[in-house]
Amino acid sequence: MALNSFTIRCRPAVLLSILTALLALPVLQAAPKKPAKKAKPSDATDVLFAGQQLPHLRVEIGEAALAILRQYQWKPGPQTDRESVQVTVREGATTYTNVALHLKGAAGSFQGLDQKPALTLHFDRFVPGQRFHGLSKLSLNNSVQDPTYVSEQLCRELFLKAHVPAPRATHATVELNGRDLGLYVLLEGWDKQFLKRHFQKTGGNLYDGGFVKDVTDELSTNAGENPTNQEDRIALAQAAQEPDLAKRVTRLEKVLDVDQFLTFVALDVMLWDWDGYAQNRNNWRLYHDRSKDRMVFMPHGMDQMFWKPEGSILPRMQGLVAKAVLDVPAWRQRYFERMKELRG
């Protein structure tokens, strides 16, 4: 076996060892304690994300489907729909049929079908109940902006430790029509299955922040019982634009989980997520948690972290809600305190 091939095949084990060591360090303490929840029974997804095995996916795409996928090219500006095609996925002796697949990625990460494309797979769209290690939906990130292949998994683990919901990550190797594409970062999908892991009620809208959009924009949704009704998002945008600080506090407290948001932004800055919501209005999701009737922000796309270790703990905020919250002196003080709590 060639050295380069051997290195790629062995890299996940090495990287996961590094990851385990990093997570063992007392760098990040949990956010303020919340009431204990009844432990959920482990399932197949827990085994997958334990990272003890490296799945190898063989994706088979027919000629007609290949032609459809080659027509899609990501470009800045308004986006066309990413058309899905039906493919076959094999892992060892297991075959998954009629899996929905579309290309994913945006500026910097999108690559065409004949390069190393990032992929999203829906296993149950055409075959109800079909699961891949317990998952109905997953993404395969090409990690072209993170040659270590570690950032996504490490940072998602840290957000989860801080009680900020985030899809889990592990690794896989991929073949596409017999072509070895090498190592990928395998991510849990944004869907109702993910919401059930973190929220008591799953009927609220799960908004996709899109590419450099804010809560003032109409957003697409990944889940929700009434995705065309975006009154909750509009109410959040209006509250964040309230010029009177006292009234802004009252209005935001009615629509936003402020405490969770302070943790979200504090950790985002600590990890220097320059391409996240707070600093760039990018790579984020927003969920209407109906059990609290509050909006919850969550991180997405964490392959470009740690870029500026000397960065300010209060950088210039681009996200409307981040600016609106941290302009309030009392909340800004709580933000600094939250950083101390997270650092321990």
Protein backbone atom coordinates (compact mmCIF):
# COMPACT_ATOMS: atom_id res chain seq x y z
CA MET A 1 0.00 0.00 0.00
CA ALA A 2 1.31 3.45 -0.90
CA LEU A 3 2.40 5.68 1.96
CA ASN A 4 -0.10 8.44 1.09
CA SER A 5 -2.95 5.96 0.98
CA PHE A 6 -1.84 4.45 4.29
CA THR A 7 -1.65 7.92 5.87
CA ILE A 8 -5.15 8.82 4.75
CA ARG A 9 -6.60 5.52 5.95
CA CYS A 10 -4.96 5.82 9.38
CA ARG A 11 -5.57 9.50 9.90
CA PRO A 12 -8.97 9.18 11.66
CA ALA A 13 -7.52 7.01 14.43
CA VAL A 14 -4.69 9.47 14.99
CA LEU A 15 -6.96 12.49 14.88
CA LEU A 16 -9.51 10.95 17.20
CA SER A 17 -6.75 10.19 19.70
CA ILE A 18 -5.74 13.85 19.57
CA LEU A 19 -9.37 14.87 19.93
CA THR A 20 -9.87 12.67 22.97
CA ALA A 21 -6.80 14.16 24.63
CA LEU A 22 -7.94 17.70 23.91
CA LEU A 23 -11.40 17.10 25.28
CA ALA A 24 -9.89 15.70 28.47
CA LEU A 25 -8.13 18.99 29.21
CA PRO A 26 -9.83 21.30 31.75
CA VAL A 27 -10.09 24.11 29.18
CA LEU A 28 -13.84 24.32 28.95
CA GLN A 29 -16.26 24.03 31.81
CA ALA A 30 -19.93 23.42 31.30
CA ALA A 31 -22.30 26.36 31.15
CA PRO A 32 -24.40 27.03 34.28
CA LYS A 33 -26.02 23.83 35.43
CA LYS A 34 -29.50 23.06 34.23
CA PRO A 35 -32.03 20.74 35.85
CA ALA A 36 -30.95 17.16 35.33
CA LYS A 37 -32.74 15.36 32.52
CA LYS A 38 -33.55 11.69 32.47
CA ALA A 39 -30.76 9.99 30.56
CA LYS A 40 -31.81 8.84 27.11
CA PRO A 41 -31.06 5.25 26.18
CA SER A 42 -28.12 4.83 23.82
CA ASP A 43 -28.90 3.95 20.22
CA ALA A 44 -27.14 3.15 16.97
CA THR A 45 -26.26 6.80 16.41
CA ASP A 46 -24.34 6.88 19.71
CA VAL A 47 -22.26 3.93 18.56
CA LEU A 48 -21.54 5.64 15.23
CA PHE A 49 -20.43 8.90 16.83
CA ALA A 50 -18.29 7.15 19.41
CA GLY A 51 -15.75 7.04 16.57
CA GLN A 52 -14.54 3.53 17.26
CA GLN A 53 -15.12 2.44 13.68
CA LEU A 54 -14.49 4.12 10.33
CA PRO A 55 -17.42 3.53 7.96
CA HIS A 56 -16.56 3.15 4.29
CA LEU A 57 -19.40 4.26 1.99
CA ARG A 58 -19.55 3.22 -1.65
CA VAL A 59 -21.93 5.57 -3.48
CA GLU A 60 -23.27 4.46 -6.85
CA ILE A 61 -24.88 7.08 -9.12
CA GLY A 62 -26.43 6.33 -12.52
CA GLU A 63 -25.63 8.31 -15.66
CA ALA A 64 -28.92 10.26 -15.70
CA ALA A 65 -28.46 11.28 -12.07
CA LEU A 66 -24.83 12.26 -12.73
CA ALA A 67 -25.99 14.58 -15.49
CA ILE A 68 -28.45 16.27 -13.12
CA LEU A 69 -25.84 16.76 -10.40
CA ARG A 70 -23.28 18.19 -12.84
CA GLN A 71 -25.72 20.95 -13.76
CA TYR A 72 -25.57 22.42 -10.27
CA GLN A 73 -22.78 24.89 -9.51
CA TRP A 74 -22.78 27.05 -6.40
CA LYS A 75 -22.51 30.78 -7.12
CA PRO A 76 -22.79 33.88 -4.88
CA GLY A 77 -26.22 35.48 -4.79
CA PRO A 78 -29.68 33.90 -4.98
CA GLN A 79 -29.40 30.13 -5.02
CA THR A 80 -31.13 27.59 -7.20
CA ASP A 81 -32.50 24.50 -5.51
CA ARG A 82 -30.02 21.68 -5.01
CA GLU A 83 -31.83 18.94 -6.88
CA SER A 84 -31.74 15.52 -5.27
CA VAL A 85 -31.22 12.27 -7.13
CA GLN A 86 -31.71 8.66 -6.10
CA VAL A 87 -28.54 6.66 -5.51
CA THR A 88 -27.41 3.38 -3.98
CA VAL A 89 -25.09 3.36 -0.97
CA ARG A 90 -23.18 0.27 0.12
CA GLU A 91 -21.30 -0.29 3.35
CA GLY A 92 -19.71 -3.68 3.67
CA ALA A 93 -22.44 -6.25 2.99
CA THR A 94 -25.25 -3.73 3.65
CA THR A 95 -26.98 -2.02 0.73
CA TYR A 96 -29.15 1.09 1.03
CA THR A 97 -31.38 1.67 -2.00
CA ASN A 98 -33.16 4.78 -3.28
CA VAL A 99 -31.15 7.16 -1.08
CA ALA A 100 -31.73 10.85 -1.86
CA LEU A 101 -28.46 12.68 -2.51
CA HIS A 102 -27.66 16.32 -3.28
CA LEU A 103 -24.46 18.34 -3.46
CA LYS A 104 -23.70 20.64 -0.55
CA GLY A 105 -21.26 23.43 0.25
CA ALA A 106 -20.94 27.13 -0.46
CA ALA A 107 -18.11 29.64 -0.89
CA GLY A 108 -14.82 27.86 -0.24
CA SER A 109 -16.24 24.39 0.39
CA PHE A 110 -18.29 23.65 -2.73
CA GLN A 111 -16.64 21.32 -5.22
CA GLY A 112 -18.16 19.80 -8.32
CA LEU A 113 -19.00 16.17 -8.82
CA ASP A 114 -15.72 15.41 -10.58
CA GLN A 115 -13.64 16.90 -7.74
CA LYS A 116 -14.25 15.99 -4.08
CA PRO A 117 -17.90 16.96 -3.64
CA ALA A 118 -19.55 17.44 -0.27
CA LEU A 119 -22.77 15.43 -0.09
CA THR A 120 -26.02 15.27 1.86
CA LEU A 121 -27.82 11.93 2.05
CA HIS A 122 -31.46 11.32 3.06
CA PHE A 123 -31.90 7.61 3.69
CA ASP A 124 -35.63 7.64 4.40
CA ARG A 125 -36.99 10.13 1.87
CA PHE A 126 -38.00 7.39 -0.58
CA VAL A 127 -37.73 4.37 1.73
CA PRO A 128 -39.64 5.06 4.97
CA GLY A 129 -37.74 3.89 8.02
CA GLN A 130 -34.45 3.32 6.23
CA ARG A 131 -31.53 4.33 8.47
CA PHE A 132 -27.75 4.46 8.28
CA HIS A 133 -26.48 3.47 11.73
CA GLY A 134 -29.69 4.95 13.10
CA LEU A 135 -29.54 8.19 11.07
CA SER A 136 -32.23 9.24 8.62
CA LYS A 137 -30.07 12.11 7.29
CA LEU A 138 -26.35 12.83 7.24
CA SER A 139 -23.82 15.02 5.48
CA LEU A 140 -20.38 14.16 4.19
CA ASN A 141 -18.12 17.23 4.35
CA ASN A 142 -15.03 17.31 2.14
CA SER A 143 -13.15 19.39 4.74
CA VAL A 144 -11.26 21.26 2.01
CA GLN A 145 -10.97 24.25 4.37
CA ASP A 146 -9.68 22.16 7.27
CA PRO A 147 -6.83 19.81 6.29
CA THR A 148 -6.72 18.41 9.86
CA TYR A 149 -10.28 17.02 9.57
CA VAL A 150 -10.56 17.65 13.34
CA SER A 151 -12.12 21.09 13.77
CA GLU A 152 -15.75 20.10 13.16
CA GLN A 153 -15.71 17.26 15.66
CA LEU A 154 -13.75 19.07 18.36
CA CYS A 155 -15.82 22.25 18.24
CA ARG A 156 -19.15 20.45 18.13
CA GLU A 157 -18.13 18.47 21.21
CA LEU A 158 -17.31 21.73 22.99
CA PHE A 159 -20.66 23.33 22.13
CA LEU A 160 -22.46 20.22 23.34
CA LYS A 161 -20.51 20.32 26.61
CA ALA A 162 -21.70 23.91 27.02
CA HIS A 163 -25.36 22.82 26.53
CA VAL A 164 -25.63 24.38 23.06
CA PRO A 165 -27.30 21.89 20.69
CA ALA A 166 -25.16 20.94 17.68
CA PRO A 167 -25.17 17.96 15.31
CA ARG A 168 -22.46 15.43 16.11
CA ALA A 169 -19.49 14.60 13.88
CA THR A 170 -17.32 11.61 13.13
CA HIS A 171 -15.38 10.39 10.05
CA ALA A 172 -15.89 8.12 7.06
CA THR A 173 -14.17 7.24 3.82
CA VAL A 174 -16.07 7.45 0.55
CA GLU A 175 -16.01 5.97 -2.94
CA LEU A 176 -18.06 7.49 -5.74
CA ASN A 177 -18.71 5.11 -8.65
CA GLY A 178 -15.50 3.29 -7.77
CA ARG A 179 -13.42 6.47 -7.46
CA ASP A 180 -11.72 6.72 -4.05
CA LEU A 181 -12.50 10.17 -2.62
CA GLY A 182 -10.68 9.52 0.65
CA LEU A 183 -11.55 10.85 4.08
CA TYR A 184 -14.70 12.84 4.90
CA VAL A 185 -16.24 14.37 8.01
CA LEU A 186 -19.60 12.69 8.62
CA LEU A 187 -22.17 14.98 10.25
CA GLU A 188 -25.52 14.29 11.85
CA GLY A 189 -28.32 15.86 9.81
CA TRP A 190 -30.44 18.86 10.73
CA ASP A 191 -33.88 17.27 10.96
CA LYS A 192 -36.62 16.24 13.37
CA GLN A 193 -34.52 13.31 14.56
CA PHE A 194 -31.82 15.76 15.68
CA LEU A 195 -34.41 18.00 17.37
CA LYS A 196 -35.75 15.08 19.41
CA ARG A 197 -32.33 14.66 21.00
CA HIS A 198 -32.29 18.21 22.36
CA PHE A 199 -35.83 19.58 22.69
CA GLN A 200 -39.05 18.42 24.34
CA LYS A 201 -41.15 19.62 21.40
CA THR A 202 -40.10 19.29 17.77
CA GLY A 203 -42.85 21.10 15.86
CA GLY A 204 -41.21 24.52 15.78
CA ASN A 205 -39.51 25.91 12.70
CA LEU A 206 -35.84 25.03 12.27
CA TYR A 207 -34.41 27.85 10.16
CA ASP A 208 -31.38 27.55 7.90
CA GLY A 209 -29.30 30.73 8.14
CA GLY A 210 -28.21 30.37 4.52
CA PHE A 211 -25.22 32.23 3.12
CA VAL A 212 -24.53 35.51 4.95
CA LYS A 213 -28.15 36.07 5.95
CA ASP A 214 -29.66 37.39 9.15
CA VAL A 215 -32.97 37.11 10.99
CA THR A 216 -34.26 40.03 8.93
CA ASP A 217 -34.19 37.81 5.82
CA GLU A 218 -36.76 35.24 4.82
CA LEU A 219 -35.10 31.93 5.59
CA SER A 220 -35.55 28.39 4.35
CA THR A 221 -36.40 25.71 6.91
CA ASN A 222 -35.02 22.23 7.63
CA ALA A 223 -38.02 21.18 9.73
CA GLY A 224 -41.23 22.59 11.18
CA GLU A 225 -44.99 22.06 11.12
CA ASN A 226 -45.67 25.40 9.44
CA PRO A 227 -42.51 26.50 7.58
CA THR A 228 -44.26 29.24 5.58
CA ASN A 229 -45.30 31.04 8.76
CA GLN A 230 -42.20 32.94 9.89
CA GLU A 231 -43.84 35.25 12.41
CA ASP A 232 -41.51 33.95 15.14
CA ARG A 233 -38.43 34.94 13.12
CA ILE A 234 -39.96 38.33 12.30
CA ALA A 235 -40.77 38.96 15.97
CA LEU A 236 -37.14 38.25 16.89
CA ALA A 237 -35.87 40.60 14.18
CA GLN A 238 -38.19 43.37 15.30
CA ALA A 239 -37.26 42.96 18.96
CA ALA A 240 -33.54 43.11 18.08
CA GLN A 241 -34.12 46.36 16.19
CA GLU A 242 -35.88 48.07 19.12
CA PRO A 243 -33.90 51.31 19.67
CA ASP A 244 -34.90 51.81 23.31
CA LEU A 245 -32.63 49.51 25.37
CA ALA A 246 -35.11 48.98 28.21
CA LYS A 247 -37.86 48.05 25.77
CA ARG A 248 -35.41 45.91 23.78
CA VAL A 249 -34.63 43.86 26.88
CA THR A 250 -38.32 43.26 27.53
CA ARG A 251 -39.06 42.36 23.93
CA LEU A 252 -36.05 40.08 23.46
CA GLU A 253 -36.69 38.21 26.71
CA LYS A 254 -40.11 37.26 25.34
CA VAL A 255 -38.79 35.74 22.09
CA LEU A 256 -35.15 34.72 22.65
CA ASP A 257 -33.50 32.27 25.05
CA VAL A 258 -31.07 34.99 26.14
CA ASP A 259 -29.05 32.84 28.54
CA GLN A 260 -28.46 30.17 25.90
CA PHE A 261 -27.61 32.85 23.34
CA LEU A 262 -24.93 34.35 25.60
CA THR A 263 -23.31 30.92 25.88
CA PHE A 264 -23.57 30.45 22.12
CA VAL A 265 -21.83 33.77 21.36
CA ALA A 266 -19.24 33.48 24.14
CA LEU A 267 -18.06 30.06 22.97
CA ASP A 268 -18.23 31.15 19.33
CA VAL A 269 -15.80 33.97 20.12
CA MET A 270 -13.56 31.83 22.34
CA LEU A 271 -13.13 29.41 19.42
CA TRP A 272 -12.77 32.38 17.05
CA ASP A 273 -15.49 31.30 14.66
CA TRP A 274 -14.89 34.21 12.30
CA ASP A 275 -17.35 32.74 9.78
CA GLY A 276 -20.16 32.12 12.28
CA TYR A 277 -23.31 34.06 13.10
CA ALA A 278 -21.89 36.60 15.53
CA GLN A 279 -18.94 37.78 13.45
CA ASN A 280 -20.14 37.10 9.89
CA ARG A 281 -23.88 36.20 9.86
CA ASN A 282 -22.97 32.82 8.40
CA ASN A 283 -23.13 29.13 9.37
CA TRP A 284 -26.00 29.14 11.84
CA ARG A 285 -29.38 27.61 12.53
CA LEU A 286 -32.32 28.99 14.50
CA TYR A 287 -35.00 26.91 16.20
CA HIS A 288 -38.30 27.90 17.80
CA ASP A 289 -38.28 25.89 21.02
CA ARG A 290 -42.00 25.60 21.70
CA SER A 291 -41.50 24.18 25.19
CA LYS A 292 -40.10 27.58 26.21
CA ASP A 293 -41.62 29.60 23.37
CA ARG A 294 -38.17 31.07 22.73
CA MET A 295 -35.78 31.11 19.77
CA VAL A 296 -32.51 29.17 20.09
CA PHE A 297 -29.35 29.75 18.01
CA MET A 298 -27.09 26.84 17.05
CA PRO A 299 -23.71 26.66 15.27
CA HIS A 300 -23.07 25.14 11.86
CA GLY A 301 -20.07 24.75 9.56
CA MET A 302 -17.16 24.78 12.03
CA ASP A 303 -14.26 23.99 9.71
CA GLN A 304 -12.54 27.40 10.01
CA MET A 305 -11.96 27.95 13.71
CA PHE A 306 -9.03 29.14 15.90
CA TRP A 307 -7.79 31.55 13.20
CA LYS A 308 -6.99 34.42 15.57
CA PRO A 309 -5.82 33.33 19.04
CA GLU A 310 -5.05 36.96 19.91
CA GLY A 311 -8.55 38.08 18.87
CA SER A 312 -10.60 40.39 21.06
CA ILE A 313 -13.07 38.83 23.50
CA LEU A 314 -15.53 41.44 22.23
CA PRO A 315 -14.98 41.60 18.46
CA ARG A 316 -17.10 43.62 16.08
CA MET A 317 -20.42 41.83 15.84
CA GLN A 318 -22.11 41.50 12.46
CA GLY A 319 -25.12 39.43 13.50
CA LEU A 320 -28.09 41.66 14.34
CA VAL A 321 -29.10 39.68 17.44
CA ALA A 322 -25.51 39.53 18.71
CA LYS A 323 -25.17 43.30 18.40
CA ALA A 324 -28.58 43.90 19.95
CA VAL A 325 -27.88 41.71 22.98
CA LEU A 326 -24.32 42.90 23.68
CA ASP A 327 -25.31 46.55 23.35
CA VAL A 328 -27.24 46.06 26.61
CA PRO A 329 -24.74 46.75 29.45
CA ALA A 330 -26.17 44.16 31.84
CA TRP A 331 -26.15 41.45 29.16
CA ARG A 332 -22.67 42.42 28.05
CA GLN A 333 -21.50 41.90 31.63
CA ARG A 334 -23.23 38.52 31.72
CA TYR A 335 -21.42 37.66 28.47
CA PHE A 336 -18.03 38.35 30.09
CA GLU A 337 -19.06 36.32 33.13
CA ARG A 338 -20.15 33.47 30.89
CA MET A 339 -16.70 33.41 29.32
CA LYS A 340 -15.16 33.03 32.76
CA GLU A 341 -17.56 30.22 33.58
CA LEU A 342 -16.75 28.40 30.36
CA ARG A 343 -13.03 28.76 30.96
CA GLY A 344 -13.43 27.57 34.53
